[in-house]
Amino acid sequence: MKVQCILCDKIEVINQDSIIAKRLRNRPIHTYMCEECTNRVTEKAQERLAKRKNGDDSTSEEW
């Protein structure tokens, strides 16, 4: 099954019998992200959560 990453538009082939392929077929609202983009997003999210956990969140500054 050919799929296209929603972030980088890279086209990949995944196993048609995989769980990801089944989700994409049965629920069209689900989107696909390639491994590179998934890792990049995960790293950024973990950094953001670590900052928030340590109290370094710049968005929570008092005015």
C-alpha atoms as a PDB file:
ATOM      1  CA  MET A   1       0.000   0.000   0.000  1.00  0.00           C
ATOM      2  CA  LYS A   2       1.402   3.400  -0.956  1.00  0.00           C
ATOM      3  CA  VAL A   3       1.109   6.148   1.637  1.00  0.00           C
ATOM      4  CA  GLN A   4       2.215   9.763   1.725  1.00  0.00           C
ATOM      5  CA  CYS A   5       3.593  11.564   4.766  1.00  0.00           C
ATOM      6  CA  ILE A   6       1.484  14.569   5.718  1.00  0.00           C
ATOM      7  CA  LEU A   7       4.513  16.657   6.728  1.00  0.00           C
ATOM      8  CA  CYS A   8       7.203  16.024   4.126  1.00  0.00           C
ATOM      9  CA  ASP A   9       5.091  14.537   1.268  1.00  0.00           C
ATOM     10  CA  LYS A  10       7.436  11.550   1.056  1.00  0.00           C
ATOM     11  CA  ILE A  11       5.779   8.513  -0.532  1.00  0.00           C
ATOM     12  CA  GLU A  12       6.442   5.139   1.108  1.00  0.00           C
ATOM     13  CA  VAL A  13       5.199   1.610   0.655  1.00  0.00           C
ATOM     14  CA  ILE A  14       3.869  -0.148   3.756  1.00  0.00           C
ATOM     15  CA  ASN A  15       2.687  -3.712   4.217  1.00  0.00           C
ATOM     16  CA  GLN A  16      -0.991  -3.903   3.284  1.00  0.00           C
ATOM     17  CA  ASP A  17      -1.655  -6.264   6.202  1.00  0.00           C
ATOM     18  CA  SER A  18      -0.114  -3.981   8.853  1.00  0.00           C
ATOM     19  CA  ILE A  19      -2.112  -2.274  11.580  1.00  0.00           C
ATOM     20  CA  ILE A  20      -1.266   1.164  10.147  1.00  0.00           C
ATOM     21  CA  ALA A  21      -2.611   0.188   6.721  1.00  0.00           C
ATOM     22  CA  LYS A  22      -5.793  -1.167   8.266  1.00  0.00           C
ATOM     23  CA  ARG A  23      -6.360   2.060  10.225  1.00  0.00           C
ATOM     24  CA  LEU A  24      -5.805   4.172   7.128  1.00  0.00           C
ATOM     25  CA  ARG A  25      -8.270   2.077   5.100  1.00  0.00           C
ATOM     26  CA  ASN A  26     -11.003   1.905   7.725  1.00  0.00           C
ATOM     27  CA  ARG A  27     -10.748   5.432   9.098  1.00  0.00           C
ATOM     28  CA  PRO A  28      -9.906   7.965   6.392  1.00  0.00           C
ATOM     29  CA  ILE A  29      -9.473  10.736   8.981  1.00  0.00           C
ATOM     30  CA  HIS A  30      -6.264   9.035  10.193  1.00  0.00           C
ATOM     31  CA  THR A  31      -3.102  10.368   8.612  1.00  0.00           C
ATOM     32  CA  TYR A  32       0.335   8.877   8.001  1.00  0.00           C
ATOM     33  CA  MET A  33       3.706  10.268   9.101  1.00  0.00           C
ATOM     34  CA  CYS A  34       6.982   8.723   7.973  1.00  0.00           C
ATOM     35  CA  GLU A  35       9.474   7.494  10.556  1.00  0.00           C
ATOM     36  CA  GLU A  36      11.702  10.590  10.214  1.00  0.00           C
ATOM     37  CA  CYS A  37       8.840  13.005  10.841  1.00  0.00           C
ATOM     38  CA  THR A  38       7.473  10.890  13.675  1.00  0.00           C
ATOM     39  CA  ASN A  39      10.864  10.935  15.399  1.00  0.00           C
ATOM     40  CA  ARG A  40      11.290  14.675  14.842  1.00  0.00           C
ATOM     41  CA  VAL A  41       7.861  15.481  16.274  1.00  0.00           C
ATOM     42  CA  THR A  42       8.395  13.116  19.216  1.00  0.00           C
ATOM     43  CA  GLU A  43      11.755  14.699  20.085  1.00  0.00           C
ATOM     44  CA  LYS A  44      10.311  18.224  20.004  1.00  0.00           C
ATOM     45  CA  ALA A  45       7.335  17.181  22.122  1.00  0.00           C
ATOM     46  CA  GLN A  46       9.557  15.486  24.706  1.00  0.00           C
ATOM     47  CA  GLU A  47      11.782  18.574  24.911  1.00  0.00           C
ATOM     48  CA  ARG A  48       8.740  20.786  25.391  1.00  0.00           C
ATOM     49  CA  LEU A  49       7.322  18.506  28.092  1.00  0.00           C
ATOM     50  CA  ALA A  50      10.676  18.328  29.875  1.00  0.00           C
ATOM     51  CA  LYS A  51      10.893  22.126  29.946  1.00  0.00           C
ATOM     52  CA  ARG A  52       7.370  22.367  31.275  1.00  0.00           C
ATOM     53  CA  LYS A  53       8.079  19.732  33.924  1.00  0.00           C
ATOM     54  CA  ASN A  54      11.228  21.560  35.063  1.00  0.00           C
ATOM     55  CA  GLY A  55       9.434  24.891  35.256  1.00  0.00           C
ATOM     56  CA  ASP A  56      11.318  26.378  32.321  1.00  0.00           C
ATOM     57  CA  ASP A  57       8.158  27.003  30.304  1.00  0.00           C
ATOM     58  CA  SER A  58       8.488  30.479  28.806  1.00  0.00           C
ATOM     59  CA  THR A  59       4.776  30.640  27.990  1.00  0.00           C
ATOM     60  CA  SER A  60       3.828  30.573  31.671  1.00  0.00           C
ATOM     61  CA  GLU A  61       5.676  33.775  32.570  1.00  0.00           C
ATOM     62  CA  GLU A  62       3.838  36.194  34.780  1.00  0.00           C
ATOM     63  CA  TRP A  63       3.024  39.588  33.293  1.00  0.00           C
END
